[in-house]
C-alpha atoms as a PDB file:
ATOM      1  CA  MET A   1       0.080   0.041   0.050  1.00  0.00           C
ATOM      2  CA  SER A   2       1.244   3.390  -0.761  1.00  0.00           C
ATOM      3  CA  ASP A   3       2.075   5.986   1.904  1.00  0.00           C
ATOM      4  CA  ARG A   4      -1.006   8.048   0.829  1.00  0.00           C
ATOM      5  CA  GLY A   5      -3.215   5.228   0.976  1.00  0.00           C
ATOM      6  CA  SER A   6      -2.067   4.409   4.464  1.00  0.00           C
ATOM      7  CA  LEU A   7      -2.257   8.181   5.580  1.00  0.00           C
ATOM      8  CA  PHE A   8      -5.839   8.112   3.885  1.00  0.00           C
ATOM      9  CA  LEU A   9      -7.174   5.234   6.037  1.00  0.00           C
ATOM     10  CA  PHE A  10      -5.189   6.708   9.277  1.00  0.00           C
ATOM     11  CA  SER A  11      -6.937   9.930   8.715  1.00  0.00           C
ATOM     12  CA  LEU A  12     -10.413   8.173   8.449  1.00  0.00           C
ATOM     13  CA  GLY A  13      -9.633   6.204  11.582  1.00  0.00           C
ATOM     14  CA  VAL A  14      -8.765   9.428  13.584  1.00  0.00           C
ATOM     15  CA  ILE A  15     -11.863  11.207  12.025  1.00  0.00           C
ATOM     16  CA  LEU A  16     -13.943   8.304  13.418  1.00  0.00           C
ATOM     17  CA  ALA A  17     -12.350   8.359  16.786  1.00  0.00           C
ATOM     18  CA  TYR A  18     -12.608  11.667  17.222  1.00  0.00           C
ATOM     19  CA  LEU A  19     -16.120  11.854  16.473  1.00  0.00           C
ATOM     20  CA  ALA A  20     -17.126   8.979  18.415  1.00  0.00           C
ATOM     21  CA  ALA A  21     -15.291  10.749  21.429  1.00  0.00           C
ATOM     22  CA  ALA A  22     -17.370  13.962  20.804  1.00  0.00           C
ATOM     23  CA  ALA A  23     -20.634  11.918  20.777  1.00  0.00           C
ATOM     24  CA  TRP A  24     -19.503  10.116  24.227  1.00  0.00           C
ATOM     25  CA  LEU A  25     -18.900  13.561  25.690  1.00  0.00           C
ATOM     26  CA  ILE A  26     -22.341  14.675  24.518  1.00  0.00           C
ATOM     27  CA  ALA A  27     -24.009  11.388  25.733  1.00  0.00           C
ATOM     28  CA  THR A  28     -22.511  11.559  29.180  1.00  0.00           C
ATOM     29  CA  GLY A  29     -23.253  14.859  29.735  1.00  0.00           C
ATOM     30  CA  GLN A  30     -19.577  16.009  30.303  1.00  0.00           C
ATOM     31  CA  VAL A  31     -20.228  18.871  27.954  1.00  0.00           C
ATOM     32  CA  ALA A  32     -22.074  20.828  30.785  1.00  0.00           C
ATOM     33  CA  TYR A  33     -18.621  21.453  32.447  1.00  0.00           C
ATOM     34  CA  ILE A  34     -15.542  23.754  31.157  1.00  0.00           C
ATOM     35  CA  ASP A  35     -13.210  20.620  30.789  1.00  0.00           C
ATOM     36  CA  GLY A  36     -15.835  18.658  28.764  1.00  0.00           C
ATOM     37  CA  LEU A  37     -16.689  21.749  26.537  1.00  0.00           C
ATOM     38  CA  PHE A  38     -12.826  21.969  26.030  1.00  0.00           C
ATOM     39  CA  LEU A  39     -12.409  18.448  25.174  1.00  0.00           C
ATOM     40  CA  LEU A  40     -15.398  18.624  22.634  1.00  0.00           C
ATOM     41  CA  ILE A  41     -13.708  21.940  20.921  1.00  0.00           C
ATOM     42  CA  CYS A  42     -10.483  19.977  20.733  1.00  0.00           C
ATOM     43  CA  CYS A  43     -12.380  16.719  19.292  1.00  0.00           C
ATOM     44  CA  LEU A  44     -14.042  18.840  16.851  1.00  0.00           C
ATOM     45  CA  THR A  45     -11.213  20.859  15.903  1.00  0.00           C
ATOM     46  CA  LEU A  46      -9.029  17.800  15.048  1.00  0.00           C
ATOM     47  CA  THR A  47     -11.822  16.060  13.057  1.00  0.00           C
ATOM     48  CA  MET A  48     -12.022  19.297  11.056  1.00  0.00           C
ATOM     49  CA  ALA A  49      -8.281  19.300  10.557  1.00  0.00           C
ATOM     50  CA  PHE A  50      -8.075  15.687   9.472  1.00  0.00           C
ATOM     51  CA  SER A  51     -11.251  16.125   7.355  1.00  0.00           C
ATOM     52  CA  LEU A  52      -9.643  18.914   5.207  1.00  0.00           C
ATOM     53  CA  TYR A  53      -6.714  16.716   4.759  1.00  0.00           C
ATOM     54  CA  VAL A  54      -8.850  13.961   3.442  1.00  0.00           C
ATOM     55  CA  LYS A  55     -10.632  16.462   1.323  1.00  0.00           C
ATOM     56  CA  TYR A  56      -7.354  17.428  -0.163  1.00  0.00           C
ATOM     57  CA  LEU A  57      -6.319  13.803  -0.625  1.00  0.00           C
ATOM     58  CA  ILE A  58      -9.572  13.294  -2.588  1.00  0.00           C
ATOM     59  CA  GLY A  59      -9.303  16.279  -4.700  1.00  0.00           C
ATOM     60  CA  LEU A  60      -5.766  15.864  -5.617  1.00  0.00           C
ATOM     61  CA  PRO A  61      -6.555  13.139  -8.242  1.00  0.00           C
ATOM     62  CA  LEU A  62      -9.567  14.681  -9.225  1.00  0.00           C
ATOM     63  CA  SER A  63      -7.955  17.930 -10.269  1.00  0.00           C
ATOM     64  CA  SER A  64      -5.132  16.068 -12.083  1.00  0.00           C
ATOM     65  CA  TYR A  65      -7.772  14.224 -14.102  1.00  0.00           C
ATOM     66  CA  SER A  66      -9.628  17.313 -14.958  1.00  0.00           C
ATOM     67  CA  GLN A  67      -6.560  19.207 -16.170  1.00  0.00           C
ATOM     68  CA  GLU A  68      -5.408  16.225 -18.039  1.00  0.00           C
ATOM     69  CA  LEU A  69      -8.912  16.421 -19.665  1.00  0.00           C
ATOM     70  CA  VAL A  70      -8.411  19.958 -20.644  1.00  0.00           C
ATOM     71  CA  ARG A  71      -4.955  19.403 -21.989  1.00  0.00           C
ATOM     72  CA  GLY A  72      -6.047  16.731 -24.130  1.00  0.00           C
ATOM     73  CA  GLY A  73      -8.799  18.762 -25.384  1.00  0.00           C
ATOM     74  CA  ARG A  74     -11.653  16.280 -24.682  1.00  0.00           C
ATOM     75  CA  ILE A  75     -13.680  18.825 -22.984  1.00  0.00           C
ATOM     76  CA  CYS A  76     -13.337  22.013 -24.575  1.00  0.00           C
ATOM     77  CA  ASP A  77     -12.466  21.709 -28.121  1.00  0.00           C
ATOM     78  CA  VAL A  78     -12.796  24.787 -29.897  1.00  0.00           C
ATOM     79  CA  GLN A  79     -13.291  23.216 -33.317  1.00  0.00           C
ATOM     80  CA  HIS A  80     -16.017  21.074 -32.317  1.00  0.00           C
ATOM     81  CA  ILE A  81     -17.817  22.806 -29.469  1.00  0.00           C
ATOM     82  CA  GLY A  82     -17.295  26.541 -29.737  1.00  0.00           C
ATOM     83  CA  GLN A  83     -17.138  26.729 -33.473  1.00  0.00           C
ATOM     84  CA  ASN A  84     -20.186  29.040 -33.881  1.00  0.00           C
ATOM     85  CA  LEU A  85     -19.826  30.754 -30.504  1.00  0.00           C
ATOM     86  CA  LEU A  86     -16.931  33.175 -31.722  1.00  0.00           C
ATOM     87  CA  PRO A  87     -16.816  35.076 -35.185  1.00  0.00           C
ATOM     88  CA  HIS A  88     -14.128  33.884 -37.364  1.00  0.00           C
ATOM     89  CA  LEU A  89     -10.878  36.377 -37.188  1.00  0.00           C
ATOM     90  CA  PRO A  90      -8.844  36.931 -39.981  1.00  0.00           C
ATOM     91  CA  GLU A  91      -5.304  35.610 -39.418  1.00  0.00           C
ATOM     92  CA  ASN A  92      -3.835  39.094 -39.577  1.00  0.00           C
ATOM     93  CA  TYR A  93      -6.127  40.278 -36.650  1.00  0.00           C
ATOM     94  CA  SER A  94      -4.246  41.905 -33.952  1.00  0.00           C
ATOM     95  CA  PHE A  95      -5.298  41.868 -30.177  1.00  0.00           C
ATOM     96  CA  ALA A  96      -3.336  44.606 -29.248  1.00  0.00           C
ATOM     97  CA  GLY A  97      -6.029  47.223 -29.117  1.00  0.00           C
ATOM     98  CA  MET A  98      -7.498  45.231 -26.286  1.00  0.00           C
ATOM     99  CA  ALA A  99      -4.981  46.909 -23.750  1.00  0.00           C
ATOM    100  CA  GLY A 100      -5.745  50.700 -24.787  1.00  0.00           C
ATOM    101  CA  ALA A 101      -3.359  50.900 -27.436  1.00  0.00           C
ATOM    102  CA  ARG A 102      -4.366  51.843 -31.313  1.00  0.00           C
ATOM    103  CA  SER A 103      -4.579  48.942 -33.772  1.00  0.00           C
ATOM    104  CA  THR A 104      -5.912  48.325 -37.077  1.00  0.00           C
ATOM    105  CA  ARG A 105      -9.044  46.204 -37.193  1.00  0.00           C
ATOM    106  CA  VAL A 106      -9.724  44.138 -40.402  1.00  0.00           C
ATOM    107  CA  PHE A 107     -13.465  43.642 -39.809  1.00  0.00           C
END
């Protein structure tokens, strides 16, 4: 198993353990006291931190897969999808005028 896989499983275990501890603190009524309230806040903070890490681990392959799709041209292929959305520009058209400089427009 890879190191990311083991860290993912460890993070899931920690999240479940801290959620169980928070539920136990609430069920036994220890949250009514300052010590129990502090323990509950600590449990929920650590649960949130590990949850953000798990979200990052899940989002990492998804973002690289979506970037690969865009780079491969499978999602937004201008020749097939956006052909009629933009007007046809001549080859000698200059975009220099968009920054405020004067340019010669062909059409």
